[in-house]
Amino acid sequence: YTGLDIIYDQRIREISRGTIEGTIESERVKKWGKNWHHQDYGEETIEALRQRGVDFVKDVLTTYENKKVLVVTHGKFLIQTLHELCPEATDENDLVRNASMTILKQVDRRLHYLLYDGTCHLTSDEISK
């Protein structure tokens, strides 16, 4: 622990799955039938997820201007936010690896990748001891 503040922000939570959240397929079939996936369960839209992510990033850039900030979040949220911020460099269907690191830098009010989905920190000899 570094002694730095840890700030929890609900905006960087995973996508809301509505009433099916926390269930597995067999439970869904039992409750809603085999065509359960054709119904509306109040799931958060990708557009709403992306907007939530962009709002968070804009706030961080303003609040912590010229500072380094570590953000820990979920993969689906991350890739959709990155796609909205850097559409030419991010495939919205990509899957980032668990515990990977992505580093962004703002240059002339645009975000650019310094590292995308990096995992070299996970293969270190120090970690595997």
Protein backbone atom coordinates (compact mmCIF):
# COMPACT_ATOMS: atom_id res chain seq x y z
CA TYR A 1 0.00 0.00 0.00
CA THR A 2 1.40 3.37 -1.02
CA GLY A 3 -0.49 5.58 1.40
CA LEU A 4 -2.19 7.32 -1.50
CA ASP A 5 -5.92 7.88 -1.47
CA ILE A 6 -8.12 5.24 -3.06
CA ILE A 7 -11.22 6.80 -4.59
CA TYR A 8 -14.19 4.65 -5.54
CA ASP A 9 -16.30 5.97 -8.41
CA GLN A 10 -19.50 4.20 -9.45
CA ARG A 11 -19.11 5.44 -13.02
CA ILE A 12 -16.35 2.90 -13.72
CA ARG A 13 -18.39 -0.14 -12.73
CA GLU A 14 -19.11 -2.90 -15.23
CA ILE A 15 -22.09 -2.67 -17.57
CA SER A 16 -25.45 -3.15 -15.86
CA ARG A 17 -27.19 -6.31 -17.00
CA GLY A 18 -30.57 -5.32 -15.53
CA THR A 19 -32.68 -8.09 -14.01
CA ILE A 20 -30.48 -10.88 -15.44
CA GLU A 21 -27.42 -9.59 -13.58
CA GLY A 22 -25.94 -12.24 -11.32
CA THR A 23 -27.77 -15.11 -13.00
CA ILE A 24 -26.45 -17.97 -15.11
CA GLU A 25 -28.04 -19.27 -18.28
CA SER A 26 -29.76 -22.25 -16.66
CA GLU A 27 -31.47 -19.90 -14.19
CA ARG A 28 -32.57 -17.63 -17.02
CA VAL A 29 -34.03 -20.55 -18.99
CA LYS A 30 -35.90 -21.75 -15.90
CA LYS A 31 -37.31 -18.29 -15.15
CA TRP A 32 -37.94 -16.84 -18.65
CA GLY A 33 -37.80 -19.83 -21.01
CA LYS A 34 -35.32 -20.98 -23.67
CA ASN A 35 -35.76 -17.75 -25.65
CA TRP A 36 -34.82 -15.60 -22.65
CA HIS A 37 -32.21 -13.69 -24.71
CA HIS A 38 -34.95 -12.13 -26.91
CA GLN A 39 -36.50 -10.17 -24.03
CA ASP A 40 -35.75 -6.76 -22.51
CA TYR A 41 -34.27 -6.95 -19.03
CA GLY A 42 -33.42 -3.29 -18.60
CA GLU A 43 -29.78 -3.74 -19.51
CA GLU A 44 -27.60 -0.66 -19.85
CA THR A 45 -27.00 0.31 -23.47
CA ILE A 46 -23.50 0.46 -24.95
CA GLU A 47 -24.11 4.15 -25.68
CA ALA A 48 -24.92 4.85 -22.01
CA LEU A 49 -21.88 2.85 -20.90
CA ARG A 50 -19.60 4.78 -23.24
CA GLN A 51 -20.99 8.13 -22.13
CA ARG A 52 -20.46 7.18 -18.48
CA GLY A 53 -16.86 6.30 -19.30
CA VAL A 54 -16.17 9.47 -21.25
CA ASP A 55 -17.66 11.59 -18.46
CA PHE A 56 -15.37 9.86 -15.96
CA VAL A 57 -12.25 10.36 -18.10
CA LYS A 58 -13.05 14.04 -18.70
CA ASP A 59 -13.44 14.57 -14.96
CA VAL A 60 -10.14 12.81 -14.24
CA LEU A 61 -8.33 14.86 -16.88
CA THR A 62 -9.67 18.08 -15.38
CA THR A 63 -9.25 17.16 -11.71
CA TYR A 64 -5.78 15.63 -12.05
CA GLU A 65 -4.36 17.71 -14.88
CA ASN A 66 -0.68 16.87 -15.57
CA LYS A 67 -0.70 14.10 -12.95
CA LYS A 68 -0.44 10.33 -13.20
CA VAL A 69 -3.62 8.49 -12.25
CA LEU A 70 -4.19 4.74 -11.90
CA VAL A 71 -7.70 3.55 -12.74
CA VAL A 72 -8.81 -0.03 -12.17
CA THR A 73 -11.99 -1.19 -13.90
CA HIS A 74 -13.69 -3.97 -15.87
CA GLY A 75 -12.84 -5.07 -19.41
CA LYS A 76 -16.14 -4.36 -21.17
CA PHE A 77 -16.34 -0.91 -19.61
CA LEU A 78 -12.71 -0.24 -20.49
CA ILE A 79 -12.84 -1.29 -24.14
CA GLN A 80 -16.08 0.60 -24.82
CA THR A 81 -14.74 3.76 -23.17
CA LEU A 82 -11.47 3.47 -25.10
CA HIS A 83 -13.38 2.96 -28.34
CA GLU A 84 -15.35 6.14 -27.70
CA LEU A 85 -12.20 8.11 -26.84
CA CYS A 86 -9.89 6.64 -29.51
CA PRO A 87 -12.16 5.10 -32.18
CA GLU A 88 -9.49 4.94 -34.87
CA ALA A 89 -7.16 2.98 -32.59
CA THR A 90 -9.61 0.76 -30.68
CA ASP A 91 -11.73 -2.13 -31.91
CA GLU A 92 -14.99 -2.08 -29.93
CA ASN A 93 -15.08 -5.90 -30.08
CA ASP A 94 -11.60 -6.32 -28.65
CA LEU A 95 -11.10 -8.15 -25.37
CA VAL A 96 -8.43 -6.79 -23.07
CA ARG A 97 -6.65 -9.41 -20.99
CA ASN A 98 -7.23 -9.70 -17.24
CA ALA A 99 -4.82 -7.54 -15.22
CA SER A 100 -3.44 -5.91 -18.37
CA MET A 101 -2.36 -2.29 -18.42
CA THR A 102 -3.33 0.41 -20.87
CA ILE A 103 -1.63 3.79 -20.64
CA LEU A 104 -3.10 6.91 -22.21
CA LYS A 105 -1.51 10.31 -22.60
CA GLN A 106 -3.27 13.52 -23.53
CA VAL A 107 -1.51 15.52 -26.21
CA ASP A 108 -3.15 18.63 -27.66
CA ARG A 109 -6.48 17.67 -26.04
CA ARG A 110 -6.47 14.22 -27.72
CA LEU A 111 -5.77 10.91 -26.05
CA HIS A 112 -3.13 8.56 -27.45
CA TYR A 113 -1.96 5.11 -26.38
CA LEU A 114 1.46 4.74 -24.84
CA LEU A 115 0.63 1.12 -24.03
CA TYR A 116 -2.39 -0.97 -24.97
CA ASP A 117 -3.35 -4.22 -23.21
CA GLY A 118 0.19 -4.75 -21.93
CA THR A 119 0.99 -7.71 -19.72
CA CYS A 120 4.79 -7.67 -19.39
CA HIS A 121 4.37 -6.81 -15.70
CA LEU A 122 2.68 -10.20 -15.21
CA THR A 123 5.59 -12.25 -16.50
CA SER A 124 8.21 -10.73 -14.28
CA ASP A 125 10.41 -13.16 -12.38
CA GLU A 126 9.62 -11.20 -9.23
CA ILE A 127 5.89 -11.92 -9.53
CA SER A 128 6.29 -15.63 -10.22
CA LYS A 129 8.40 -16.27 -7.08
